[in-house]
Amino acid sequence: MEIIFIAGNRDFLLGDEYCRLAGMRRAEEPLHLDLGGEPVLLLHGDVLCTDDTAYQRFRARVRDPGWQRRMLARPRWQRLGLARLLRLASRLRTRSAPERIMDVNPDEVRATLQREQVGCMIHGHTHRPAVHADRIDDRPVRRFVLGDWFDQGSVIEADDSHIRLITLPRGSAEDARS
């Protein structure tokens, strides 16, 4: 089974060499897939949260190749300390940020589906597992949101006729359909 890695908001420094050693292929987003004969767009999801302008500025900075080279040139102890500091700042900020900016922007979701010419999108980042159905230009579209792995897990199951979101309550991974 091929494992594809798309960087998120905490693992953006993982590169091709790490992915090779871990037995996975790094892909840039958005990634176009075919699941059950349906074209699907896969992305981390943070690019859809356009109302969170402070995060979008942070994202642009840490995705810059020059910034990444400078960060990776630092000693490991310094990188780990900075990562802990950034994570703490992120936790404090998300606790006080208005809920509406922490979710996807519906206009950005629609624009992305139209621009990428797909009727199905899968993403994470917001950690609110759900399946959202909508219509764009009189055609049905769906958006599958994967949850985090702290309180529960979630996976996508696809076959020739369906794409399903399955939630896995913590500690019950042995039965994904329960």
N, C-alpha and C. Protein backbone atom coordinates (compact mmCIF):
# COMPACT_ATOMS: atom_id res chain seq x y z
N MET A 1 0.84 -1.17 0.00
CA MET A 1 0.00 0.00 0.00
C MET A 1 0.89 1.23 0.00
N GLU A 2 0.57 2.15 -0.88
CA GLU A 2 1.33 3.39 -0.92
C GLU A 2 0.85 4.33 0.18
N ILE A 3 1.80 4.94 0.86
CA ILE A 3 1.50 5.94 1.88
C ILE A 3 1.95 7.29 1.34
N ILE A 4 1.02 8.22 1.30
CA ILE A 4 1.30 9.57 0.79
C ILE A 4 1.23 10.54 1.96
N PHE A 5 2.22 11.41 2.07
CA PHE A 5 2.29 12.38 3.15
C PHE A 5 2.07 13.79 2.59
N ILE A 6 1.14 14.51 3.21
CA ILE A 6 0.93 15.93 2.90
C ILE A 6 1.20 16.69 4.19
N ALA A 7 2.09 17.65 4.12
CA ALA A 7 2.48 18.41 5.31
C ALA A 7 1.31 19.21 5.86
N GLY A 8 1.27 19.30 7.17
CA GLY A 8 0.26 20.08 7.85
C GLY A 8 0.86 21.26 8.58
N ASN A 9 0.18 21.74 9.58
CA ASN A 9 0.63 22.94 10.28
C ASN A 9 1.68 22.64 11.35
N ARG A 10 1.98 21.38 11.63
CA ARG A 10 3.01 21.06 12.62
C ARG A 10 4.16 20.25 12.04
N ASP A 11 4.03 19.75 10.84
CA ASP A 11 5.07 18.87 10.29
C ASP A 11 5.59 19.36 8.94
N PHE A 12 5.57 20.65 8.75
CA PHE A 12 5.94 21.26 7.47
C PHE A 12 7.42 21.16 7.16
N LEU A 13 8.25 20.78 8.14
CA LEU A 13 9.69 20.65 7.89
C LEU A 13 10.10 19.24 7.48
N LEU A 14 9.17 18.31 7.50
CA LEU A 14 9.52 16.96 7.06
C LEU A 14 9.75 16.97 5.55
N GLY A 15 10.87 16.43 5.14
CA GLY A 15 11.23 16.49 3.73
C GLY A 15 11.23 15.13 3.06
N ASP A 16 11.71 15.13 1.83
CA ASP A 16 11.72 13.92 1.02
C ASP A 16 12.55 12.81 1.65
N GLU A 17 13.70 13.15 2.23
CA GLU A 17 14.57 12.12 2.82
C GLU A 17 13.87 11.42 3.98
N TYR A 18 13.23 12.19 4.87
CA TYR A 18 12.50 11.58 5.97
C TYR A 18 11.39 10.68 5.43
N CYS A 19 10.66 11.18 4.46
CA CYS A 19 9.56 10.40 3.88
C CYS A 19 10.08 9.10 3.26
N ARG A 20 11.21 9.18 2.58
CA ARG A 20 11.80 7.97 2.00
C ARG A 20 12.14 6.96 3.09
N LEU A 21 12.77 7.43 4.16
CA LEU A 21 13.15 6.55 5.27
C LEU A 21 11.92 5.95 5.96
N ALA A 22 10.83 6.70 5.98
CA ALA A 22 9.59 6.23 6.62
C ALA A 22 8.73 5.40 5.67
N GLY A 23 9.16 5.26 4.43
CA GLY A 23 8.41 4.45 3.47
C GLY A 23 7.19 5.12 2.91
N MET A 24 7.25 6.44 2.80
CA MET A 24 6.11 7.16 2.25
C MET A 24 6.59 8.16 1.20
N ARG A 25 5.66 8.62 0.42
CA ARG A 25 5.94 9.60 -0.62
C ARG A 25 5.35 10.93 -0.20
N ARG A 26 6.17 11.99 -0.26
CA ARG A 26 5.69 13.33 0.07
C ARG A 26 5.00 13.91 -1.16
N ALA A 27 3.84 14.49 -0.96
CA ALA A 27 3.08 15.11 -2.05
C ALA A 27 2.75 16.54 -1.67
N GLU A 28 2.68 17.37 -2.66
CA GLU A 28 2.24 18.76 -2.46
C GLU A 28 0.73 18.80 -2.54
N GLU A 29 0.16 19.76 -1.85
CA GLU A 29 -1.28 19.92 -1.93
C GLU A 29 -1.62 21.06 -2.89
N PRO A 30 -2.77 21.03 -3.47
CA PRO A 30 -3.79 19.99 -3.34
C PRO A 30 -3.42 18.77 -4.20
N LEU A 31 -3.80 17.61 -3.71
CA LEU A 31 -3.51 16.35 -4.39
C LEU A 31 -4.81 15.83 -4.99
N HIS A 32 -4.78 15.53 -6.26
CA HIS A 32 -5.95 14.96 -6.94
C HIS A 32 -5.84 13.44 -6.91
N LEU A 33 -6.91 12.79 -6.45
CA LEU A 33 -6.97 11.33 -6.37
C LEU A 33 -8.22 10.84 -7.09
N ASP A 34 -8.22 9.56 -7.38
CA ASP A 34 -9.42 8.90 -7.87
C ASP A 34 -9.81 7.88 -6.81
N LEU A 35 -10.95 8.09 -6.17
CA LEU A 35 -11.45 7.16 -5.15
C LEU A 35 -12.78 6.60 -5.63
N GLY A 36 -12.79 5.32 -5.89
CA GLY A 36 -14.03 4.69 -6.34
C GLY A 36 -14.53 5.27 -7.65
N GLY A 37 -13.62 5.69 -8.52
CA GLY A 37 -14.02 6.26 -9.80
C GLY A 37 -14.41 7.73 -9.73
N GLU A 38 -14.27 8.34 -8.57
CA GLU A 38 -14.65 9.75 -8.41
C GLU A 38 -13.40 10.60 -8.20
N PRO A 39 -13.27 11.71 -8.93
CA PRO A 39 -12.14 12.60 -8.69
C PRO A 39 -12.31 13.30 -7.33
N VAL A 40 -11.26 13.24 -6.53
CA VAL A 40 -11.29 13.76 -5.16
C VAL A 40 -10.08 14.65 -4.95
N LEU A 41 -10.29 15.73 -4.22
CA LEU A 41 -9.22 16.64 -3.85
C LEU A 41 -8.84 16.38 -2.40
N LEU A 42 -7.56 16.15 -2.15
CA LEU A 42 -7.07 15.90 -0.80
C LEU A 42 -6.13 17.03 -0.42
N LEU A 43 -6.38 17.63 0.75
CA LEU A 43 -5.50 18.67 1.25
C LEU A 43 -5.54 18.69 2.77
N HIS A 44 -4.52 19.30 3.35
CA HIS A 44 -4.47 19.38 4.82
C HIS A 44 -5.67 20.15 5.34
N GLY A 45 -5.99 21.27 4.73
CA GLY A 45 -7.17 22.03 5.10
C GLY A 45 -6.89 23.41 5.65
N ASP A 46 -5.65 23.66 6.10
CA ASP A 46 -5.38 24.97 6.69
C ASP A 46 -5.48 26.10 5.67
N VAL A 47 -5.27 25.82 4.38
CA VAL A 47 -5.40 26.87 3.37
C VAL A 47 -6.84 27.36 3.21
N LEU A 48 -7.79 26.58 3.72
CA LEU A 48 -9.20 26.95 3.63
C LEU A 48 -9.63 27.89 4.75
N CYS A 49 -8.78 28.06 5.75
CA CYS A 49 -9.11 28.90 6.91
C CYS A 49 -8.64 30.33 6.67
N THR A 50 -9.15 30.94 5.64
CA THR A 50 -8.66 32.26 5.20
C THR A 50 -9.04 33.40 6.13
N ASP A 51 -10.02 33.20 7.01
CA ASP A 51 -10.38 34.25 7.95
C ASP A 51 -9.34 34.40 9.06
N ASP A 52 -8.52 33.38 9.26
CA ASP A 52 -7.45 33.43 10.26
C ASP A 52 -6.20 34.00 9.60
N THR A 53 -6.20 35.30 9.43
CA THR A 53 -5.12 35.96 8.68
C THR A 53 -3.77 35.84 9.38
N ALA A 54 -3.76 35.84 10.70
CA ALA A 54 -2.49 35.68 11.42
C ALA A 54 -1.90 34.31 11.13
N TYR A 55 -2.72 33.28 11.14
CA TYR A 55 -2.22 31.94 10.82
C TYR A 55 -1.75 31.87 9.36
N GLN A 56 -2.49 32.48 8.44
CA GLN A 56 -2.09 32.44 7.03
C GLN A 56 -0.73 33.11 6.82
N ARG A 57 -0.46 34.19 7.57
CA ARG A 57 0.87 34.83 7.49
C ARG A 57 1.95 33.88 8.03
N PHE A 58 1.66 33.23 9.16
CA PHE A 58 2.58 32.25 9.73
C PHE A 58 2.83 31.12 8.74
N ARG A 59 1.77 30.62 8.14
CA ARG A 59 1.87 29.50 7.19
C ARG A 59 2.76 29.88 6.01
N ALA A 60 2.57 31.08 5.47
CA ALA A 60 3.38 31.53 4.34
C ALA A 60 4.86 31.61 4.74
N ARG A 61 5.13 32.08 5.94
CA ARG A 61 6.51 32.21 6.39
C ARG A 61 7.17 30.84 6.55
N VAL A 62 6.51 29.91 7.24
CA VAL A 62 7.15 28.62 7.52
C VAL A 62 7.20 27.70 6.31
N ARG A 63 6.43 27.99 5.28
CA ARG A 63 6.48 27.21 4.04
C ARG A 63 7.52 27.77 3.06
N ASP A 64 8.10 28.91 3.39
CA ASP A 64 9.10 29.52 2.52
C ASP A 64 10.39 28.67 2.56
N PRO A 65 10.90 28.24 1.39
CA PRO A 65 12.11 27.40 1.37
C PRO A 65 13.32 28.04 2.07
N GLY A 66 13.48 29.35 1.96
CA GLY A 66 14.59 30.03 2.64
C GLY A 66 14.46 29.94 4.15
N TRP A 67 13.27 30.17 4.66
CA TRP A 67 13.03 30.06 6.11
C TRP A 67 13.29 28.63 6.56
N GLN A 68 12.84 27.66 5.79
CA GLN A 68 13.04 26.26 6.16
C GLN A 68 14.52 25.90 6.18
N ARG A 69 15.29 26.37 5.21
CA ARG A 69 16.74 26.09 5.19
C ARG A 69 17.40 26.67 6.44
N ARG A 70 17.04 27.92 6.77
CA ARG A 70 17.64 28.55 7.95
C ARG A 70 17.24 27.80 9.22
N MET A 71 15.98 27.37 9.30
CA MET A 71 15.54 26.64 10.49
C MET A 71 16.27 25.30 10.61
N LEU A 72 16.38 24.56 9.53
CA LEU A 72 17.01 23.25 9.57
C LEU A 72 18.52 23.33 9.78
N ALA A 73 19.12 24.50 9.55
CA ALA A 73 20.55 24.68 9.79
C ALA A 73 20.85 24.89 11.27
N ARG A 74 19.84 25.16 12.07
CA ARG A 74 20.04 25.38 13.50
C ARG A 74 20.30 24.04 14.19
N PRO A 75 20.94 24.08 15.36
CA PRO A 75 21.14 22.83 16.11
C PRO A 75 19.80 22.21 16.52
N ARG A 76 19.79 20.90 16.65
CA ARG A 76 18.56 20.16 16.98
C ARG A 76 17.92 20.70 18.27
N TRP A 77 18.71 20.93 19.31
CA TRP A 77 18.17 21.38 20.59
C TRP A 77 17.44 22.71 20.42
N GLN A 78 17.98 23.57 19.55
CA GLN A 78 17.35 24.87 19.33
C GLN A 78 16.04 24.72 18.56
N ARG A 79 16.03 23.84 17.56
CA ARG A 79 14.80 23.60 16.80
C ARG A 79 13.71 23.03 17.69
N LEU A 80 14.08 22.07 18.55
CA LEU A 80 13.08 21.47 19.45
C LEU A 80 12.53 22.50 20.43
N GLY A 81 13.39 23.35 20.96
CA GLY A 81 12.93 24.39 21.88
C GLY A 81 12.00 25.37 21.20
N LEU A 82 12.36 25.76 19.99
CA LEU A 82 11.51 26.68 19.24
C LEU A 82 10.17 26.02 18.90
N ALA A 83 10.20 24.75 18.54
CA ALA A 83 8.95 24.03 18.24
C ALA A 83 8.04 24.01 19.46
N ARG A 84 8.60 23.74 20.65
CA ARG A 84 7.79 23.75 21.88
C ARG A 84 7.19 25.13 22.14
N LEU A 85 7.99 26.15 21.94
CA LEU A 85 7.52 27.53 22.14
C LEU A 85 6.40 27.87 21.15
N LEU A 86 6.58 27.52 19.89
CA LEU A 86 5.55 27.78 18.88
C LEU A 86 4.27 27.03 19.19
N ARG A 87 4.39 25.78 19.67
CA ARG A 87 3.20 24.99 20.01
C ARG A 87 2.44 25.61 21.19
N LEU A 88 3.17 26.07 22.19
CA LEU A 88 2.53 26.73 23.33
C LEU A 88 1.82 28.00 22.87
N ALA A 89 2.49 28.80 22.05
CA ALA A 89 1.87 30.03 21.54
C ALA A 89 0.62 29.70 20.73
N SER A 90 0.68 28.62 19.96
CA SER A 90 -0.48 28.20 19.17
C SER A 90 -1.65 27.81 20.07
N ARG A 91 -1.37 27.04 21.12
CA ARG A 91 -2.44 26.64 22.05
C ARG A 91 -3.08 27.85 22.70
N LEU A 92 -2.28 28.78 23.16
CA LEU A 92 -2.82 29.98 23.80
C LEU A 92 -3.65 30.80 22.82
N ARG A 93 -3.16 30.91 21.60
CA ARG A 93 -3.87 31.70 20.60
C ARG A 93 -5.19 31.05 20.21
N THR A 94 -5.21 29.74 20.01
CA THR A 94 -6.45 29.09 19.59
C THR A 94 -7.51 29.11 20.69
N ARG A 95 -7.08 29.15 21.93
CA ARG A 95 -8.06 29.25 23.03
C ARG A 95 -8.78 30.59 23.04
N SER A 96 -8.07 31.63 22.60
CA SER A 96 -8.66 32.98 22.68
C SER A 96 -9.18 33.48 21.34
N ALA A 97 -8.90 32.78 20.26
CA ALA A 97 -9.35 33.24 18.94
C ALA A 97 -10.84 32.99 18.77
N PRO A 98 -11.53 33.87 18.07
CA PRO A 98 -12.97 33.65 17.81
C PRO A 98 -13.17 32.34 17.04
N GLU A 99 -14.15 31.58 17.41
CA GLU A 99 -14.42 30.27 16.80
C GLU A 99 -14.60 30.37 15.29
N ARG A 100 -15.22 31.44 14.81
CA ARG A 100 -15.52 31.55 13.39
C ARG A 100 -14.26 31.62 12.53
N ILE A 101 -13.16 32.16 13.05
CA ILE A 101 -11.95 32.23 12.21
C ILE A 101 -11.16 30.93 12.25
N MET A 102 -11.50 30.04 13.17
CA MET A 102 -10.75 28.79 13.30
C MET A 102 -11.28 27.71 12.37
N ASP A 103 -12.34 27.97 11.68
CA ASP A 103 -12.93 27.00 10.77
C ASP A 103 -12.68 27.45 9.33
N VAL A 104 -13.05 26.59 8.40
CA VAL A 104 -12.86 26.93 6.99
C VAL A 104 -13.79 28.07 6.60
N ASN A 105 -13.36 28.80 5.60
CA ASN A 105 -14.18 29.86 5.03
C ASN A 105 -15.03 29.21 3.92
N PRO A 106 -16.35 29.24 4.03
CA PRO A 106 -17.20 28.58 3.02
C PRO A 106 -16.96 29.06 1.60
N ASP A 107 -16.69 30.35 1.43
CA ASP A 107 -16.41 30.87 0.09
C ASP A 107 -15.12 30.28 -0.47
N GLU A 108 -14.12 30.09 0.40
CA GLU A 108 -12.85 29.50 -0.04
C GLU A 108 -13.04 28.03 -0.40
N VAL A 109 -13.89 27.33 0.35
CA VAL A 109 -14.18 25.93 0.02
C VAL A 109 -14.81 25.85 -1.37
N ARG A 110 -15.83 26.68 -1.61
CA ARG A 110 -16.50 26.67 -2.93
C ARG A 110 -15.52 27.06 -4.04
N ALA A 111 -14.71 28.08 -3.81
CA ALA A 111 -13.76 28.52 -4.83
C ALA A 111 -12.74 27.42 -5.13
N THR A 112 -12.31 26.71 -4.11
CA THR A 112 -11.33 25.63 -4.31
C THR A 112 -11.95 24.48 -5.09
N LEU A 113 -13.17 24.10 -4.74
CA LEU A 113 -13.85 23.03 -5.48
C LEU A 113 -14.04 23.42 -6.95
N GLN A 114 -14.40 24.67 -7.19
CA GLN A 114 -14.58 25.13 -8.57
C GLN A 114 -13.26 25.20 -9.32
N ARG A 115 -12.25 25.79 -8.70
CA ARG A 115 -10.95 25.94 -9.34
C ARG A 115 -10.32 24.58 -9.67
N GLU A 116 -10.46 23.63 -8.76
CA GLU A 116 -9.85 22.31 -8.95
C GLU A 116 -10.76 21.36 -9.73
N GLN A 117 -11.98 21.80 -10.03
CA GLN A 117 -12.94 21.06 -10.85
C GLN A 117 -13.22 19.65 -10.31
N VAL A 118 -13.53 19.60 -9.01
CA VAL A 118 -13.91 18.33 -8.38
C VAL A 118 -15.21 18.53 -7.61
N GLY A 119 -15.86 17.44 -7.33
CA GLY A 119 -17.09 17.49 -6.55
C GLY A 119 -16.93 16.88 -5.16
N CYS A 120 -15.68 16.52 -4.83
CA CYS A 120 -15.43 15.90 -3.53
C CYS A 120 -14.08 16.37 -3.00
N MET A 121 -14.07 16.74 -1.73
CA MET A 121 -12.85 17.22 -1.07
C MET A 121 -12.71 16.49 0.26
N ILE A 122 -11.47 16.14 0.61
CA ILE A 122 -11.17 15.54 1.92
C ILE A 122 -10.08 16.40 2.55
N HIS A 123 -10.30 16.80 3.80
CA HIS A 123 -9.28 17.57 4.52
C HIS A 123 -9.40 17.35 6.01
N GLY A 124 -8.39 17.81 6.71
CA GLY A 124 -8.36 17.79 8.16
C GLY A 124 -8.23 19.21 8.67
N HIS A 125 -7.29 19.42 9.55
CA HIS A 125 -6.89 20.69 10.15
C HIS A 125 -7.91 21.24 11.15
N THR A 126 -9.17 21.31 10.80
CA THR A 126 -10.15 21.90 11.72
C THR A 126 -10.57 20.92 12.81
N HIS A 127 -10.32 19.64 12.60
CA HIS A 127 -10.60 18.59 13.58
C HIS A 127 -12.07 18.52 13.98
N ARG A 128 -12.93 18.77 13.02
CA ARG A 128 -14.37 18.66 13.25
C ARG A 128 -14.92 17.63 12.27
N PRO A 129 -14.79 16.33 12.60
CA PRO A 129 -15.19 15.30 11.63
C PRO A 129 -16.66 15.43 11.23
N ALA A 130 -16.85 15.44 9.92
CA ALA A 130 -18.21 15.58 9.39
C ALA A 130 -18.18 15.39 7.89
N VAL A 131 -19.36 15.19 7.34
CA VAL A 131 -19.53 15.18 5.89
C VAL A 131 -20.49 16.33 5.57
N HIS A 132 -20.03 17.24 4.75
CA HIS A 132 -20.83 18.40 4.37
C HIS A 132 -21.26 18.24 2.92
N ALA A 133 -22.52 18.42 2.66
CA ALA A 133 -23.05 18.36 1.29
C ALA A 133 -23.54 19.74 0.89
N ASP A 134 -23.31 20.08 -0.36
CA ASP A 134 -23.70 21.39 -0.86
C ASP A 134 -23.95 21.26 -2.36
N ARG A 135 -24.28 22.37 -2.99
CA ARG A 135 -24.43 22.41 -4.44
C ARG A 135 -23.65 23.61 -4.94
N ILE A 136 -22.93 23.41 -6.03
CA ILE A 136 -22.22 24.50 -6.70
C ILE A 136 -22.60 24.41 -8.17
N ASP A 137 -23.15 25.49 -8.69
CA ASP A 137 -23.58 25.52 -10.09
C ASP A 137 -24.47 24.32 -10.42
N ASP A 138 -25.43 24.04 -9.57
CA ASP A 138 -26.39 22.95 -9.75
C ASP A 138 -25.77 21.55 -9.79
N ARG A 139 -24.58 21.40 -9.25
CA ARG A 139 -24.01 20.06 -9.14
C ARG A 139 -23.71 19.78 -7.67
N PRO A 140 -23.95 18.55 -7.24
CA PRO A 140 -23.69 18.22 -5.83
C PRO A 140 -22.19 18.15 -5.55
N VAL A 141 -21.80 18.64 -4.38
CA VAL A 141 -20.42 18.55 -3.91
C VAL A 141 -20.44 18.06 -2.46
N ARG A 142 -19.36 17.36 -2.10
CA ARG A 142 -19.23 16.88 -0.73
C ARG A 142 -17.85 17.23 -0.19
N ARG A 143 -17.82 17.47 1.11
CA ARG A 143 -16.56 17.76 1.80
C ARG A 143 -16.49 16.88 3.04
N PHE A 144 -15.47 16.04 3.08
CA PHE A 144 -15.24 15.15 4.21
C PHE A 144 -14.16 15.78 5.09
N VAL A 145 -14.46 15.94 6.37
CA VAL A 145 -13.51 16.52 7.31
C VAL A 145 -13.07 15.44 8.29
N LEU A 146 -11.76 15.20 8.33
CA LEU A 146 -11.19 14.22 9.25
C LEU A 146 -10.93 14.86 10.60
N GLY A 147 -11.10 14.09 11.65
CA GLY A 147 -10.85 14.60 13.00
C GLY A 147 -9.40 14.45 13.40
N ASP A 148 -9.10 14.87 14.61
CA ASP A 148 -7.76 14.68 15.15
C ASP A 148 -7.66 13.26 15.73
N TRP A 149 -6.55 12.95 16.33
CA TRP A 149 -6.36 11.62 16.91
C TRP A 149 -6.17 11.71 18.42
N PHE A 150 -6.67 12.78 19.04
CA PHE A 150 -6.57 12.92 20.48
C PHE A 150 -7.78 12.29 21.16
N ASP A 151 -8.97 12.70 20.74
CA ASP A 151 -10.21 12.20 21.34
C ASP A 151 -10.78 11.02 20.58
N GLN A 152 -10.58 11.01 19.29
CA GLN A 152 -11.08 9.94 18.43
C GLN A 152 -10.34 10.03 17.11
N GLY A 153 -10.34 8.96 16.38
CA GLY A 153 -9.72 8.99 15.06
C GLY A 153 -10.79 8.99 13.99
N SER A 154 -10.39 9.24 12.78
CA SER A 154 -11.32 9.13 11.67
C SER A 154 -10.53 8.75 10.42
N VAL A 155 -11.18 7.98 9.59
CA VAL A 155 -10.56 7.51 8.35
C VAL A 155 -11.59 7.61 7.24
N ILE A 156 -11.09 7.61 6.02
CA ILE A 156 -11.95 7.57 4.85
C ILE A 156 -11.88 6.15 4.30
N GLU A 157 -13.02 5.58 4.01
CA GLU A 157 -13.10 4.28 3.36
C GLU A 157 -13.77 4.50 2.00
N ALA A 158 -13.13 3.99 0.95
CA ALA A 158 -13.68 4.17 -0.39
C ALA A 158 -13.70 2.84 -1.12
N ASP A 159 -14.79 2.60 -1.83
CA ASP A 159 -14.87 1.44 -2.72
C ASP A 159 -15.49 1.92 -4.03
N ASP A 160 -15.90 1.02 -4.87
CA ASP A 160 -16.40 1.40 -6.19
C ASP A 160 -17.70 2.19 -6.16
N SER A 161 -18.42 2.19 -5.02
CA SER A 161 -19.70 2.87 -5.02
C SER A 161 -19.86 3.95 -3.95
N HIS A 162 -18.96 4.00 -2.96
CA HIS A 162 -19.13 4.95 -1.87
C HIS A 162 -17.80 5.47 -1.36
N ILE A 163 -17.86 6.67 -0.83
CA ILE A 163 -16.77 7.21 -0.01
C ILE A 163 -17.42 7.50 1.34
N ARG A 164 -16.83 6.95 2.40
CA ARG A 164 -17.43 7.08 3.74
C ARG A 164 -16.42 7.63 4.73
N LEU A 165 -16.91 8.40 5.66
CA LEU A 165 -16.13 8.84 6.81
C LEU A 165 -16.47 7.91 7.96
N ILE A 166 -15.45 7.32 8.55
CA ILE A 166 -15.64 6.41 9.67
C ILE A 166 -14.91 7.01 10.87
N THR A 167 -15.62 7.19 11.98
CA THR A 167 -14.97 7.67 13.19
C THR A 167 -14.62 6.49 14.07
N LEU A 168 -13.48 6.61 14.70
CA LEU A 168 -12.96 5.56 15.57
C LEU A 168 -12.85 6.11 16.98
N PRO A 169 -13.77 5.77 17.87
CA PRO A 169 -13.64 6.25 19.24
C PRO A 169 -12.30 5.81 19.82
N ARG A 170 -11.74 6.61 20.66
CA ARG A 170 -10.43 6.32 21.25
C ARG A 170 -10.43 4.94 21.89
N GLY A 171 -9.44 4.15 21.51
CA GLY A 171 -9.29 2.82 22.10
C GLY A 171 -10.08 1.73 21.40
N SER A 172 -10.77 2.05 20.30
CA SER A 172 -11.58 1.00 19.65
C SER A 172 -11.21 0.83 18.19
N ALA A 173 -9.96 0.99 17.86
CA ALA A 173 -9.52 0.87 16.47
C ALA A 173 -9.71 -0.52 15.91
N GLU A 174 -9.87 -1.52 16.78
CA GLU A 174 -10.03 -2.89 16.28
C GLU A 174 -11.34 -3.10 15.52
N ASP A 175 -12.32 -2.22 15.71
CA ASP A 175 -13.57 -2.35 14.98
C ASP A 175 -13.97 -1.01 14.41
N ALA A 176 -13.50 -0.72 13.20
CA ALA A 176 -13.73 0.58 12.59
C ALA A 176 -15.18 0.85 12.27
N ARG A 177 -16.01 -0.17 12.20
CA ARG A 177 -17.41 0.03 11.80
C ARG A 177 -18.36 0.09 13.01
N SER A 178 -17.85 0.12 14.20
CA SER A 178 -18.76 0.12 15.35
C SER A 178 -19.31 1.49 15.66
